[in-house]
Amino acid sequence: MKEHFNAGLNSLIISIKAGSKDSYKKWTGKDVYSDIFQSITNLFDYRGGATITIAANIENETTAIINSL
């Protein structure tokens, strides 16, 4: 992603199917929720002024991890 930011990327939208580790695994069958949020955190650390928007499809779930970014 660094190449994209360096080339002038100024906006990025990330869509997530769930708001918790359990619901993500339920929807996708994969136990990679923590890895995804670590990657998003890395993007925020490097974004170089670009706007990053996170859209989550959440029903009756906590949004604390999203709000912590």
Protein backbone atom coordinates (compact mmCIF):
# COMPACT_ATOMS: atom_id res chain seq x y z
CA MET A 1 0.00 0.00 0.00
CA LYS A 2 2.92 2.36 0.55
CA GLU A 3 3.38 2.60 -3.21
CA HIS A 4 -0.26 3.62 -3.63
CA PHE A 5 -0.07 6.30 -0.95
CA ASN A 6 3.22 7.56 -2.38
CA ALA A 7 1.65 7.69 -5.86
CA GLY A 8 -1.06 10.04 -4.58
CA LEU A 9 -3.86 7.84 -3.23
CA ASN A 10 -5.95 10.25 -1.16
CA SER A 11 -8.91 8.14 -0.09
CA LEU A 12 -9.48 4.51 0.90
CA ILE A 13 -12.71 2.80 1.96
CA ILE A 14 -12.53 -0.47 3.89
CA SER A 15 -15.67 -2.54 4.27
CA ILE A 16 -15.87 -5.16 7.02
CA LYS A 17 -18.58 -7.80 7.29
CA ALA A 18 -18.69 -7.86 11.09
CA GLY A 19 -17.85 -5.97 14.25
CA SER A 20 -16.43 -8.77 16.33
CA LYS A 21 -14.02 -11.67 15.94
CA ASP A 22 -16.78 -14.24 16.41
CA SER A 23 -19.16 -12.73 13.89
CA TYR A 24 -16.36 -12.26 11.33
CA LYS A 25 -15.50 -15.95 11.63
CA LYS A 26 -19.20 -16.83 11.34
CA TRP A 27 -19.60 -14.78 8.13
CA THR A 28 -16.33 -15.70 6.44
CA GLY A 29 -15.29 -19.00 8.00
CA LYS A 30 -11.84 -17.53 8.68
CA ASP A 31 -10.20 -16.67 11.99
CA VAL A 32 -8.23 -13.64 10.77
CA TYR A 33 -10.13 -10.75 12.40
CA SER A 34 -7.17 -9.68 14.57
CA ASP A 35 -4.87 -9.77 11.54
CA ILE A 36 -7.25 -7.56 9.59
CA PHE A 37 -7.39 -4.93 12.32
CA GLN A 38 -3.61 -5.01 12.69
CA SER A 39 -3.35 -4.34 8.95
CA ILE A 40 -5.84 -1.47 9.24
CA THR A 41 -3.84 -0.03 12.13
CA ASN A 42 -0.70 -0.22 9.97
CA LEU A 43 -2.55 1.65 7.20
CA PHE A 44 -3.53 4.41 9.64
CA ASP A 45 0.08 4.68 10.78
CA TYR A 46 1.34 5.13 7.22
CA ARG A 47 -1.55 6.81 5.39
CA GLY A 48 0.41 9.99 4.72
CA GLY A 49 -2.58 12.31 4.96
CA ALA A 50 -5.01 10.08 3.04
CA THR A 51 -8.53 9.69 4.37
CA ILE A 52 -9.41 6.15 5.45
CA THR A 53 -13.06 5.27 6.02
CA ILE A 54 -14.14 2.03 7.66
CA ALA A 55 -17.63 0.78 6.89
CA ALA A 56 -18.90 -2.11 8.96
CA ASN A 57 -22.04 -4.16 8.58
CA ILE A 58 -22.84 -4.53 12.28
CA GLU A 59 -26.01 -5.67 13.99
CA ASN A 60 -26.16 -5.76 17.79
CA GLU A 61 -22.38 -5.79 18.16
CA THR A 62 -19.85 -3.66 19.95
CA THR A 63 -17.99 -1.06 17.91
CA ALA A 64 -15.27 -0.46 20.47
CA ILE A 65 -12.48 -1.80 18.27
CA ILE A 66 -13.51 0.44 15.37
CA ASN A 67 -13.80 3.47 17.65
CA SER A 68 -10.34 2.78 19.04
CA LEU A 69 -8.70 3.41 15.67
